[in-house]
Amino acid sequence: MRLDMSKFGLMLISRPAGREAYLAARAYLFDDASAEVVLDFSGVKVLTPSWADAFLQNFRADFKGSILYQGTENPSVRATLSLLDRVQHGEFSASL
């Protein structure tokens, strides 16, 4: 299954918008929660960590299949996905 992320907008920039996009996608995606899903970021101009975190955190919680990314040539998309991957794998620690 392929999800065209540009359908949610070309500038994906706020946590509330990311959550709203996830809720819209959820209505269509979870017939088979173990299927492979391709998130295609082609055409997305700006992807912020807040939008991506709100969307992907919920997506990963509900969807147990493999998630692949396409169209990640944009520096904003690439940097955001890289940052979230590093955070998810514990490469950052909180220090005060």
C-alpha atoms as a PDB file:
ATOM      1  CA  MET A   1       0.000   0.000   0.000  1.00  0.00           C
ATOM      2  CA  ARG A   2       1.334   3.465  -0.908  1.00  0.00           C
ATOM      3  CA  LEU A   3       0.454   6.710   0.854  1.00  0.00           C
ATOM      4  CA  ASP A   4       1.142   9.974  -0.993  1.00  0.00           C
ATOM      5  CA  MET A   5       2.174  12.326   1.820  1.00  0.00           C
ATOM      6  CA  SER A   6       1.801  15.408  -0.391  1.00  0.00           C
ATOM      7  CA  LYS A   7      -1.971  14.822  -0.194  1.00  0.00           C
ATOM      8  CA  PHE A   8      -1.711  16.258   3.335  1.00  0.00           C
ATOM      9  CA  GLY A   9      -0.031  19.401   1.992  1.00  0.00           C
ATOM     10  CA  LEU A  10       3.286  20.575   0.618  1.00  0.00           C
ATOM     11  CA  MET A  11       4.332  22.169   3.908  1.00  0.00           C
ATOM     12  CA  LEU A  12       3.849  19.708   6.759  1.00  0.00           C
ATOM     13  CA  ILE A  13       4.634  21.931   9.712  1.00  0.00           C
ATOM     14  CA  SER A  14       2.682  21.519  12.949  1.00  0.00           C
ATOM     15  CA  ARG A  15       2.043  18.798  15.497  1.00  0.00           C
ATOM     16  CA  PRO A  16      -1.774  19.283  15.440  1.00  0.00           C
ATOM     17  CA  ALA A  17      -1.762  19.053  11.635  1.00  0.00           C
ATOM     18  CA  GLY A  18       0.349  15.880  11.800  1.00  0.00           C
ATOM     19  CA  ARG A  19      -2.075  14.269  14.226  1.00  0.00           C
ATOM     20  CA  GLU A  20      -5.030  15.308  12.068  1.00  0.00           C
ATOM     21  CA  ALA A  21      -3.340  13.844   8.982  1.00  0.00           C
ATOM     22  CA  TYR A  22      -2.737  10.595  10.833  1.00  0.00           C
ATOM     23  CA  LEU A  23      -6.391  10.364  11.875  1.00  0.00           C
ATOM     24  CA  ALA A  24      -7.457  10.908   8.268  1.00  0.00           C
ATOM     25  CA  ALA A  25      -5.006   8.269   6.999  1.00  0.00           C
ATOM     26  CA  ARG A  26      -6.021   5.773   9.676  1.00  0.00           C
ATOM     27  CA  ALA A  27      -9.529   5.607   8.281  1.00  0.00           C
ATOM     28  CA  TYR A  28      -8.141   4.156   5.036  1.00  0.00           C
ATOM     29  CA  LEU A  29      -4.996   2.253   5.969  1.00  0.00           C
ATOM     30  CA  PHE A  30      -5.718  -0.309   8.591  1.00  0.00           C
ATOM     31  CA  ASP A  31      -7.639  -3.007   6.776  1.00  0.00           C
ATOM     32  CA  ASP A  32      -4.457  -5.081   7.060  1.00  0.00           C
ATOM     33  CA  ALA A  33      -2.241  -3.744   9.850  1.00  0.00           C
ATOM     34  CA  SER A  34       0.560  -6.144   8.916  1.00  0.00           C
ATOM     35  CA  ALA A  35       0.908  -5.149   5.248  1.00  0.00           C
ATOM     36  CA  GLU A  36       3.858  -3.170   3.917  1.00  0.00           C
ATOM     37  CA  VAL A  37       3.217   0.565   3.583  1.00  0.00           C
ATOM     38  CA  VAL A  38       5.244   3.011   1.502  1.00  0.00           C
ATOM     39  CA  LEU A  39       5.126   6.631   2.657  1.00  0.00           C
ATOM     40  CA  ASP A  40       5.957   8.698  -0.425  1.00  0.00           C
ATOM     41  CA  PHE A  41       7.215  12.208   0.373  1.00  0.00           C
ATOM     42  CA  SER A  42       7.636  13.230  -3.284  1.00  0.00           C
ATOM     43  CA  GLY A  43       6.389  16.774  -3.722  1.00  0.00           C
ATOM     44  CA  VAL A  44       6.611  17.667  -0.022  1.00  0.00           C
ATOM     45  CA  LYS A  45       8.539  20.952   0.281  1.00  0.00           C
ATOM     46  CA  VAL A  46       8.846  21.179   4.084  1.00  0.00           C
ATOM     47  CA  LEU A  47       8.591  18.455   6.719  1.00  0.00           C
ATOM     48  CA  THR A  48       9.131  19.499  10.331  1.00  0.00           C
ATOM     49  CA  PRO A  49       9.990  17.159  13.192  1.00  0.00           C
ATOM     50  CA  SER A  50       6.801  18.113  15.049  1.00  0.00           C
ATOM     51  CA  TRP A  51       4.496  17.146  12.145  1.00  0.00           C
ATOM     52  CA  ALA A  52       6.424  13.975  11.370  1.00  0.00           C
ATOM     53  CA  ASP A  53       6.585  12.909  15.022  1.00  0.00           C
ATOM     54  CA  ALA A  54       2.837  13.389  15.527  1.00  0.00           C
ATOM     55  CA  PHE A  55       2.062  11.419  12.363  1.00  0.00           C
ATOM     56  CA  LEU A  56       4.673   8.660  12.628  1.00  0.00           C
ATOM     57  CA  GLN A  57       4.428   8.023  16.366  1.00  0.00           C
ATOM     58  CA  ASN A  58       0.722   7.284  16.053  1.00  0.00           C
ATOM     59  CA  PHE A  59       1.248   5.416  12.788  1.00  0.00           C
ATOM     60  CA  ARG A  60       3.871   3.101  14.285  1.00  0.00           C
ATOM     61  CA  ALA A  61       1.723   2.465  17.366  1.00  0.00           C
ATOM     62  CA  ASP A  62      -1.229   1.247  15.291  1.00  0.00           C
ATOM     63  CA  PHE A  63       0.528  -0.232  12.283  1.00  0.00           C
ATOM     64  CA  LYS A  64       2.694  -3.314  12.784  1.00  0.00           C
ATOM     65  CA  GLY A  65       3.751  -3.907   9.169  1.00  0.00           C
ATOM     66  CA  SER A  66       6.950  -2.634   7.595  1.00  0.00           C
ATOM     67  CA  ILE A  67       7.129   1.053   6.729  1.00  0.00           C
ATOM     68  CA  LEU A  68       9.242   2.209   3.793  1.00  0.00           C
ATOM     69  CA  TYR A  69      10.006   5.773   2.731  1.00  0.00           C
ATOM     70  CA  GLN A  70      10.133   7.116  -0.836  1.00  0.00           C
ATOM     71  CA  GLY A  71      10.764  10.573  -2.224  1.00  0.00           C
ATOM     72  CA  THR A  72      13.177  11.577   0.516  1.00  0.00           C
ATOM     73  CA  GLU A  73      15.520  13.623  -1.683  1.00  0.00           C
ATOM     74  CA  ASN A  74      14.317  16.921  -0.191  1.00  0.00           C
ATOM     75  CA  PRO A  75      16.797  18.047   2.528  1.00  0.00           C
ATOM     76  CA  SER A  76      13.958  18.936   4.909  1.00  0.00           C
ATOM     77  CA  VAL A  77      12.387  15.500   4.581  1.00  0.00           C
ATOM     78  CA  ARG A  78      15.723  13.695   4.820  1.00  0.00           C
ATOM     79  CA  ALA A  79      16.873  15.635   7.907  1.00  0.00           C
ATOM     80  CA  THR A  80      13.562  15.213   9.727  1.00  0.00           C
ATOM     81  CA  LEU A  81      13.326  11.468   9.118  1.00  0.00           C
ATOM     82  CA  SER A  82      16.964  11.046  10.139  1.00  0.00           C
ATOM     83  CA  LEU A  83      16.429  13.019  13.348  1.00  0.00           C
ATOM     84  CA  LEU A  84      13.340  11.029  14.313  1.00  0.00           C
ATOM     85  CA  ASP A  85      15.146   7.762  13.593  1.00  0.00           C
ATOM     86  CA  ARG A  86      18.004   8.809  15.881  1.00  0.00           C
ATOM     87  CA  VAL A  87      15.591   9.841  18.635  1.00  0.00           C
ATOM     88  CA  GLN A  88      13.653   6.577  18.322  1.00  0.00           C
ATOM     89  CA  HIS A  89      16.850   4.567  18.681  1.00  0.00           C
ATOM     90  CA  GLY A  90      17.965   6.486  21.774  1.00  0.00           C
ATOM     91  CA  GLU A  91      20.906   8.376  20.311  1.00  0.00           C
ATOM     92  CA  PHE A  92      19.942  11.447  22.319  1.00  0.00           C
ATOM     93  CA  SER A  93      19.907  11.622  26.093  1.00  0.00           C
ATOM     94  CA  ALA A  94      18.378  14.280  28.260  1.00  0.00           C
ATOM     95  CA  SER A  95      20.897  16.119  30.362  1.00  0.00           C
ATOM     96  CA  LEU A  96      20.284  19.085  32.604  1.00  0.00           C
END
